[in-house]
Amino acid sequence: MTLDNRHAIPHAIQQSIRRAAWSRVLGATWLGIAAMSADAASASAHASASNRTIIIDAQGDSTMWGYQTSDDFRKSWQTPNNPPALLQAALRARFGPHVIVQNNGVPGATLVDREKGVNGYGQPYAQFVATSPAHIVIVNFALNDADNHVKEPPAAFRAHLMRFIEQSQGAGRIVVLEEPNPVDYAANRTIVPRYVAVVDEMAKHYRLALIRQYGYIGAMHDWRSLLIDGVHPTDALYRLKAERQREVVEPIVAKLVE
């Protein structure tokens, strides 16, 4: 037997070494495949979340609907630059086409009308919200309610708003309150602020997101020039109001889809 033969590794041991090496290779391969599968699953889950349809129900009066008028109210129309349409466009720019903002504003409506399902509404709000597919509801009433302050004082408006919030939350909706824009007539100085205060109070009481429009717009030196008729916004003000909505609603949508 030569020196090389005397120190040669037995064949059985060589096979054992080869099997161990292949086991290590296969183990590393399977770990890599598992990691790739986990990454793919994570990416798929994220894509599914990103593709989830999010519906926002925009409730309110003519300033939500997008009312504009001319010729001393003889002509009127809905501007394509209404806040819900602009909000939808802004949210889709970030989240894609799966965000839908439904414009359910009704010109001339009060919160009482919405609750009872009259004067432009097909059914009481309790029935509507029970079957609505919306995840988020934005509510922007107060101006017509303030005009009707003799029959609906701020205390009554508070009770109706509390009911609206509780019915919405009971149906699983995320509620966002929105202040009205200021208006250029006497009630704006004395009566409207009392209704705005109720909106702010309810946002604090229920810990809800609040879109602050009234004071922000009213602090602008030229805010009256942004009203087409002393009440309803021009397109420029509608765009500003929509941007204020986006600032509040976008983080909520992000939590739902990301």
Protein backbone atom coordinates (compact mmCIF):
# COMPACT_ATOMS: atom_id res chain seq x y z
CA MET A 1 0.00 0.00 0.00
CA THR A 2 1.41 3.39 -0.98
CA LEU A 3 1.54 6.42 1.28
CA ASP A 4 -1.34 7.99 -0.72
CA ASN A 5 -3.46 4.88 -0.42
CA ARG A 6 -2.80 4.57 3.30
CA HIS A 7 -4.20 8.15 3.89
CA ALA A 8 -6.95 8.04 1.28
CA ILE A 9 -10.48 8.88 2.63
CA PRO A 10 -12.68 5.80 2.61
CA HIS A 11 -15.39 5.84 -0.05
CA ALA A 12 -18.27 5.69 2.49
CA ILE A 13 -16.95 8.77 4.28
CA GLN A 14 -16.55 10.63 0.96
CA GLN A 15 -20.22 9.93 0.20
CA SER A 16 -21.23 11.19 3.64
CA ILE A 17 -19.32 14.43 3.09
CA ARG A 18 -20.92 14.90 -0.33
CA ARG A 19 -24.40 14.34 1.14
CA ALA A 20 -23.73 16.91 3.90
CA ALA A 21 -22.51 19.47 1.36
CA TRP A 22 -25.57 18.97 -0.83
CA SER A 23 -27.79 19.29 2.23
CA ARG A 24 -26.23 22.66 2.98
CA VAL A 25 -26.67 23.79 -0.63
CA LEU A 26 -30.28 22.61 -0.75
CA GLY A 27 -31.01 24.20 2.63
CA ALA A 28 -29.68 27.55 1.48
CA THR A 29 -31.68 27.22 -1.72
CA TRP A 30 -34.90 26.49 0.15
CA LEU A 31 -34.25 29.41 2.50
CA GLY A 32 -33.82 31.68 -0.51
CA ILE A 33 -37.02 30.39 -2.09
CA ALA A 34 -38.89 30.82 1.21
CA ALA A 35 -37.63 34.38 1.54
CA MET A 36 -38.65 35.14 -2.04
CA SER A 37 -42.08 33.63 -1.39
CA ALA A 38 -42.49 35.73 1.76
CA ASP A 39 -41.51 38.88 -0.14
CA ALA A 40 -43.93 38.02 -2.93
CA ALA A 41 -46.73 37.36 -0.43
CA SER A 42 -46.03 40.67 1.28
CA ALA A 43 -46.04 42.51 -2.04
CA SER A 44 -49.26 40.77 -3.04
CA ALA A 45 -50.92 41.70 0.25
CA HIS A 46 -49.82 45.31 -0.16
CA ALA A 47 -51.13 45.37 -3.71
CA SER A 48 -54.46 43.93 -2.54
CA ALA A 49 -54.71 46.61 0.16
CA SER A 50 -53.81 49.32 -2.34
CA ASN A 51 -56.50 48.04 -4.72
CA ARG A 52 -59.18 48.09 -2.04
CA THR A 53 -62.06 50.34 -3.06
CA ILE A 54 -62.60 53.16 -0.57
CA ILE A 55 -65.90 55.02 -0.77
CA ILE A 56 -66.46 58.44 0.76
CA ASP A 57 -69.99 59.77 1.24
CA ALA A 58 -70.06 63.59 0.99
CA GLN A 59 -73.23 64.83 2.71
CA GLY A 60 -74.26 68.47 2.86
CA ASP A 61 -76.08 71.38 1.30
CA SER A 62 -75.56 73.37 -1.90
CA THR A 63 -72.02 74.34 -0.90
CA MET A 64 -71.13 70.63 -0.93
CA TRP A 65 -73.12 69.95 -4.09
CA GLY A 66 -71.30 72.73 -5.97
CA TYR A 67 -74.10 75.20 -6.62
CA GLN A 68 -73.42 78.28 -8.71
CA THR A 69 -75.80 80.90 -10.05
CA SER A 70 -76.04 84.01 -12.19
CA ASP A 71 -78.56 86.59 -13.44
CA ASP A 72 -80.01 87.19 -9.98
CA PHE A 73 -80.65 83.47 -9.40
CA ARG A 74 -82.44 83.02 -12.73
CA LYS A 75 -79.73 80.61 -13.85
CA SER A 76 -78.06 77.96 -11.73
CA TRP A 77 -75.88 74.91 -12.28
CA GLN A 78 -73.54 72.45 -10.59
CA THR A 79 -69.94 73.34 -11.21
CA PRO A 80 -67.70 70.44 -12.24
CA ASN A 81 -65.28 71.88 -9.69
CA ASN A 82 -67.50 70.89 -6.78
CA PRO A 83 -65.58 69.81 -3.66
CA PRO A 84 -66.36 66.05 -3.83
CA ALA A 85 -65.19 65.87 -7.47
CA LEU A 86 -61.99 67.76 -6.68
CA LEU A 87 -61.39 65.69 -3.54
CA GLN A 88 -61.78 62.47 -5.53
CA ALA A 89 -59.27 63.67 -8.14
CA ALA A 90 -56.74 64.60 -5.45
CA LEU A 91 -57.08 61.29 -3.61
CA ARG A 92 -56.85 59.28 -6.83
CA ALA A 93 -53.62 61.07 -7.68
CA ARG A 94 -52.08 59.35 -4.66
CA PHE A 95 -54.08 56.16 -4.15
CA GLY A 96 -55.28 55.34 -7.66
CA PRO A 97 -58.75 54.91 -9.17
CA HIS A 98 -60.11 52.82 -6.31
CA VAL A 99 -61.11 55.88 -4.27
CA ILE A 100 -64.67 57.04 -4.92
CA VAL A 101 -66.19 60.22 -3.49
CA GLN A 102 -69.97 60.27 -3.80
CA ASN A 103 -71.50 63.75 -3.95
CA ASN A 104 -74.70 63.44 -1.93
CA GLY A 105 -75.12 67.15 -1.29
CA VAL A 106 -78.60 68.58 -1.82
CA PRO A 107 -79.14 72.30 -2.50
CA GLY A 108 -81.25 73.96 0.17
CA ALA A 109 -81.00 71.03 2.55
CA THR A 110 -80.83 71.21 6.32
CA LEU A 111 -79.56 68.51 8.64
CA VAL A 112 -83.19 67.90 9.65
CA ASP A 113 -84.07 67.22 5.99
CA ARG A 114 -81.25 64.69 5.77
CA GLU A 115 -82.33 63.00 8.97
CA LYS A 116 -86.00 62.73 7.95
CA GLY A 117 -85.31 61.98 4.29
CA VAL A 118 -87.36 64.86 2.88
CA ASN A 119 -86.84 67.84 0.52
CA GLY A 120 -84.60 66.08 -1.97
CA TYR A 121 -83.78 62.89 -0.07
CA GLY A 122 -85.31 59.53 -0.89
CA GLN A 123 -85.22 57.95 2.56
CA PRO A 124 -84.42 58.79 6.19
CA TYR A 125 -80.73 58.86 7.00
CA ALA A 126 -80.94 55.87 9.36
CA GLN A 127 -82.16 53.72 6.46
CA PHE A 128 -79.70 55.24 4.00
CA VAL A 129 -76.60 54.73 6.13
CA ALA A 130 -77.57 51.15 7.00
CA THR A 131 -77.09 50.11 3.36
CA SER A 132 -74.53 52.68 2.19
CA PRO A 133 -71.23 51.14 1.02
CA ALA A 134 -69.25 54.15 2.27
CA HIS A 135 -66.30 53.82 4.64
CA ILE A 136 -66.10 57.54 5.43
CA VAL A 137 -68.85 60.14 5.64
CA ILE A 138 -68.17 63.88 5.48
CA VAL A 139 -71.01 66.04 6.81
CA ASN A 140 -71.28 69.73 5.93
CA PHE A 141 -74.53 71.32 7.08
CA ALA A 142 -75.22 74.51 9.09
CA LEU A 143 -75.96 77.37 6.70
CA ASN A 144 -79.57 76.48 5.91
CA ASP A 145 -80.02 75.34 9.49
CA ALA A 146 -78.89 78.78 10.65
CA ASP A 147 -81.34 80.40 8.23
CA ASN A 148 -84.02 78.30 9.90
CA HIS A 149 -82.85 79.23 13.40
CA VAL A 150 -86.29 80.22 14.68
CA LYS A 151 -87.61 76.68 14.22
CA GLU A 152 -84.24 74.98 14.64
CA PRO A 153 -82.14 76.78 17.26
CA PRO A 154 -78.54 75.70 17.87
CA ALA A 155 -79.60 73.29 20.63
CA ALA A 156 -81.87 71.44 18.19
CA PHE A 157 -79.11 71.42 15.58
CA ARG A 158 -76.81 69.89 18.18
CA ALA A 159 -79.29 67.09 18.89
CA HIS A 160 -79.71 66.31 15.19
CA LEU A 161 -75.95 66.32 14.61
CA MET A 162 -75.39 63.97 17.55
CA ARG A 163 -77.97 61.61 16.08
CA PHE A 164 -76.32 61.79 12.65
CA ILE A 165 -72.91 60.98 14.14
CA GLU A 166 -74.17 58.11 16.27
CA GLN A 167 -76.20 56.57 13.44
CA SER A 168 -73.15 56.81 11.15
CA GLN A 169 -70.80 55.28 13.70
CA GLY A 170 -73.34 52.61 14.54
CA ALA A 171 -73.27 51.61 10.87
CA GLY A 172 -69.46 51.42 10.95
CA ARG A 173 -68.70 54.71 9.22
CA ILE A 174 -65.78 57.02 9.98
CA VAL A 175 -67.32 60.47 10.48
CA VAL A 176 -65.58 63.68 9.41
CA LEU A 177 -67.24 66.98 10.32
CA GLU A 178 -66.85 70.04 8.12
CA GLU A 179 -67.53 73.67 8.96
CA PRO A 180 -69.44 75.79 6.42
CA ASN A 181 -67.83 78.64 4.55
CA PRO A 182 -68.72 82.15 5.78
CA VAL A 183 -71.50 83.99 3.96
CA ASP A 184 -71.90 87.68 3.20
CA TYR A 185 -75.14 88.62 4.91
CA ALA A 186 -76.20 89.69 8.40
CA ALA A 187 -76.75 86.20 9.79
CA ASN A 188 -73.09 85.42 9.20
CA ARG A 189 -72.09 87.84 11.96
CA THR A 190 -74.55 86.74 14.63
CA ILE A 191 -76.24 83.41 13.92
CA VAL A 192 -73.97 81.26 11.73
CA PRO A 193 -71.09 81.31 14.26
CA ARG A 194 -73.36 79.64 16.82
CA TYR A 195 -73.94 76.72 14.46
CA VAL A 196 -70.26 76.51 13.58
CA ALA A 197 -69.56 76.32 17.32
CA VAL A 198 -71.88 73.30 17.55
CA VAL A 199 -69.95 71.55 14.75
CA ASP A 200 -66.66 72.23 16.53
CA GLU A 201 -68.11 71.10 19.86
CA MET A 202 -69.33 67.80 18.42
CA ALA A 203 -65.95 67.15 16.79
CA LYS A 204 -64.29 67.56 20.17
CA HIS A 205 -66.96 65.59 22.04
CA TYR A 206 -66.80 62.58 19.71
CA ARG A 207 -63.09 63.01 18.89
CA LEU A 208 -63.76 63.34 15.19
CA ALA A 209 -61.65 64.76 12.40
CA LEU A 210 -62.71 68.33 11.64
CA ILE A 211 -62.33 70.28 8.40
CA ARG A 212 -62.01 73.90 9.49
CA GLN A 213 -63.41 76.18 6.80
CA TYR A 214 -65.28 79.01 8.50
CA GLY A 215 -62.53 80.81 10.39
CA TYR A 216 -59.83 79.99 7.87
CA ILE A 217 -61.74 81.46 4.94
CA GLY A 218 -63.14 84.33 7.00
CA ALA A 219 -59.60 85.43 7.89
CA MET A 220 -58.79 86.02 4.22
CA HIS A 221 -59.00 89.72 3.39
CA ASP A 222 -60.79 89.09 0.08
CA TRP A 223 -63.07 86.22 1.08
CA ARG A 224 -66.23 88.04 -0.01
CA SER A 225 -64.90 88.23 -3.56
CA LEU A 226 -64.73 84.43 -3.55
CA LEU A 227 -68.52 84.13 -3.21
CA ILE A 228 -70.51 84.19 -6.44
CA ASP A 229 -73.69 85.50 -4.80
CA GLY A 230 -72.74 86.24 -1.21
CA VAL A 231 -73.35 82.60 -0.22
CA HIS A 232 -72.03 80.10 -2.76
CA PRO A 233 -68.33 79.78 -3.58
CA THR A 234 -66.77 80.59 -6.90
CA ASP A 235 -64.66 77.82 -8.45
CA ALA A 236 -61.60 79.33 -6.77
CA LEU A 237 -63.16 78.95 -3.33
CA TYR A 238 -64.51 75.49 -4.12
CA ARG A 239 -60.94 74.48 -4.96
CA LEU A 240 -59.72 75.90 -1.66
CA LYS A 241 -62.44 74.08 0.26
CA ALA A 242 -61.59 70.81 -1.51
CA GLU A 243 -57.94 71.21 -0.60
CA ARG A 244 -58.92 71.73 3.04
CA GLN A 245 -60.95 68.52 2.80
CA ARG A 246 -58.02 66.64 1.31
CA GLU A 247 -55.67 67.66 4.11
CA VAL A 248 -57.97 66.02 6.65
CA VAL A 249 -59.32 63.05 4.70
CA GLU A 250 -56.15 61.85 2.98
CA PRO A 251 -54.48 60.52 6.17
CA ILE A 252 -57.67 58.60 6.99
CA VAL A 253 -57.74 56.99 3.54
CA ALA A 254 -54.03 56.17 3.87
CA LYS A 255 -54.71 54.19 7.06
CA LEU A 256 -57.44 52.24 5.30
CA VAL A 257 -55.35 51.25 2.26
CA GLU A 258 -51.72 51.11 3.41
